[in-house]
């Protein structure tokens, strides 16, 4: 009887530890994906800012749009995109992205 109890206990521990390892691997995979997404966001944002300073407005606009796709709550990306639309005299789009930037700035400033 003791051997049976020991065997059942051992098997339960073995199976539970396997499921914990599986969950940890899934969590690590999600973390890696989030980090890759964050790196891509930062790259696009910095490159967009550089292109904007160099006068390559259309390239900058594309890169800011990519950065917004990677991080829709980025107040900075929305603000910079609104400035480009303002330069292009597309005032409806400029106002739209300015409002988003203001809204997301309020959201993110509360979380810190």
Protein backbone atom coordinates (compact mmCIF):
# COMPACT_ATOMS: atom_id res chain seq x y z
CA UNK A 1 0.00 0.00 0.00
CA UNK A 2 2.85 2.38 0.82
CA UNK A 3 4.46 1.62 -2.52
CA UNK A 4 1.22 2.37 -4.35
CA UNK A 5 0.82 5.69 -2.52
CA UNK A 6 4.45 6.56 -3.25
CA UNK A 7 4.04 5.68 -6.93
CA UNK A 8 0.85 7.75 -7.30
CA UNK A 9 2.46 10.70 -5.51
CA UNK A 10 5.53 10.47 -7.69
CA UNK A 11 3.46 10.38 -10.87
CA UNK A 12 1.37 13.36 -9.78
CA UNK A 13 4.46 15.39 -9.04
CA UNK A 14 6.04 14.37 -12.33
CA UNK A 15 3.00 15.33 -14.40
CA UNK A 16 2.44 18.60 -12.59
CA UNK A 17 6.07 19.63 -13.05
CA UNK A 18 5.83 18.85 -16.77
CA UNK A 19 2.80 21.09 -17.14
CA UNK A 20 4.58 23.88 -15.24
CA UNK A 21 7.53 23.63 -17.61
CA UNK A 22 5.18 23.78 -20.60
CA UNK A 23 3.50 26.93 -19.21
CA UNK A 24 6.88 28.49 -18.48
CA UNK A 25 8.02 27.81 -22.06
CA UNK A 26 4.84 29.40 -23.40
CA UNK A 27 5.40 32.41 -21.15
CA UNK A 28 9.00 32.71 -22.35
CA UNK A 29 7.86 32.55 -25.98
CA UNK A 30 5.34 35.33 -25.36
CA UNK A 31 8.00 37.41 -23.61
CA UNK A 32 10.40 36.96 -26.53
CA UNK A 33 7.68 37.95 -29.01
CA UNK A 34 6.82 41.04 -26.95
CA UNK A 35 10.49 42.02 -26.78
CA UNK A 36 10.90 41.60 -30.55
CA UNK A 37 7.81 43.73 -31.10
CA UNK A 38 9.13 46.41 -28.75
CA UNK A 39 12.52 46.44 -30.50
CA UNK A 40 10.82 46.77 -33.90
CA UNK A 41 8.67 49.60 -32.55
CA UNK A 42 11.68 51.50 -31.22
CA UNK A 43 13.62 50.97 -34.44
CA UNK A 44 10.74 52.26 -36.58
CA UNK A 45 10.16 55.26 -34.32
CA UNK A 46 13.83 56.29 -34.22
CA UNK A 47 14.30 55.71 -37.95
CA UNK A 48 11.14 57.72 -38.67
CA UNK A 49 12.45 60.60 -36.57
CA UNK A 50 15.77 60.45 -38.40
CA UNK A 51 14.08 60.43 -41.81
CA UNK A 52 11.90 63.35 -40.78
CA UNK A 53 14.98 65.36 -39.77
CA UNK A 54 16.59 64.52 -43.11
CA UNK A 55 13.51 65.83 -44.91
CA UNK A 56 12.27 62.44 -46.11
CA UNK A 57 8.71 63.07 -44.98
CA UNK A 58 7.02 60.24 -46.89
CA UNK A 59 9.48 57.66 -45.51
CA UNK A 60 9.02 59.08 -42.02
CA UNK A 61 5.25 58.89 -42.36
CA UNK A 62 5.42 55.22 -43.38
CA UNK A 63 7.70 54.40 -40.47
CA UNK A 64 5.52 56.24 -37.94
CA UNK A 65 2.53 54.30 -39.25
CA UNK A 66 4.46 51.04 -38.79
CA UNK A 67 5.37 52.03 -35.26
CA UNK A 68 1.69 52.73 -34.51
CA UNK A 69 0.77 49.28 -35.81
CA UNK A 70 3.31 47.77 -33.41
CA UNK A 71 2.27 49.95 -30.48
CA UNK A 72 -1.12 51.61 -31.07
CA UNK A 73 -1.00 53.36 -27.68
CA UNK A 74 2.17 55.28 -28.50
CA UNK A 75 1.33 58.93 -27.91
CA UNK A 76 4.65 59.99 -29.43
CA UNK A 77 4.11 58.14 -32.71
CA UNK A 78 0.58 59.51 -33.04
CA UNK A 79 1.79 63.03 -32.27
CA UNK A 80 4.61 62.89 -34.82
CA UNK A 81 2.27 61.50 -37.46
CA UNK A 82 -0.17 64.33 -36.74
CA UNK A 83 2.64 66.84 -37.29
CA UNK A 84 3.43 65.30 -40.67
CA UNK A 85 -0.22 65.48 -41.70
CA UNK A 86 -0.26 69.10 -40.58
CA UNK A 87 2.79 69.83 -42.75
CA UNK A 88 1.03 68.13 -45.66
CA UNK A 89 -2.02 70.33 -44.91
CA UNK A 90 -4.21 67.27 -44.29
CA UNK A 91 -5.91 68.85 -41.35
CA UNK A 92 -8.57 66.19 -40.70
CA UNK A 93 -5.89 63.51 -40.34
CA UNK A 94 -3.71 65.87 -38.28
CA UNK A 95 -6.57 66.50 -35.85
CA UNK A 96 -7.43 62.79 -35.69
CA UNK A 97 -3.89 61.75 -34.73
CA UNK A 98 -3.46 64.74 -32.39
CA UNK A 99 -6.55 63.64 -30.46
CA UNK A 100 -5.25 60.08 -30.30
CA UNK A 101 -1.89 61.34 -29.04
CA UNK A 102 -3.57 63.40 -26.35
CA UNK A 103 -5.81 60.50 -25.31
CA UNK A 104 -2.95 57.99 -25.18
CA UNK A 105 -0.73 60.43 -23.33
CA UNK A 106 -3.37 60.69 -20.62
CA UNK A 107 -3.67 56.89 -20.46
CA UNK A 108 0.05 56.17 -20.32
CA UNK A 109 0.87 58.97 -17.91
CA UNK A 110 -1.56 57.46 -15.37
CA UNK A 111 0.13 54.06 -15.54
CA UNK A 112 3.55 55.33 -14.46
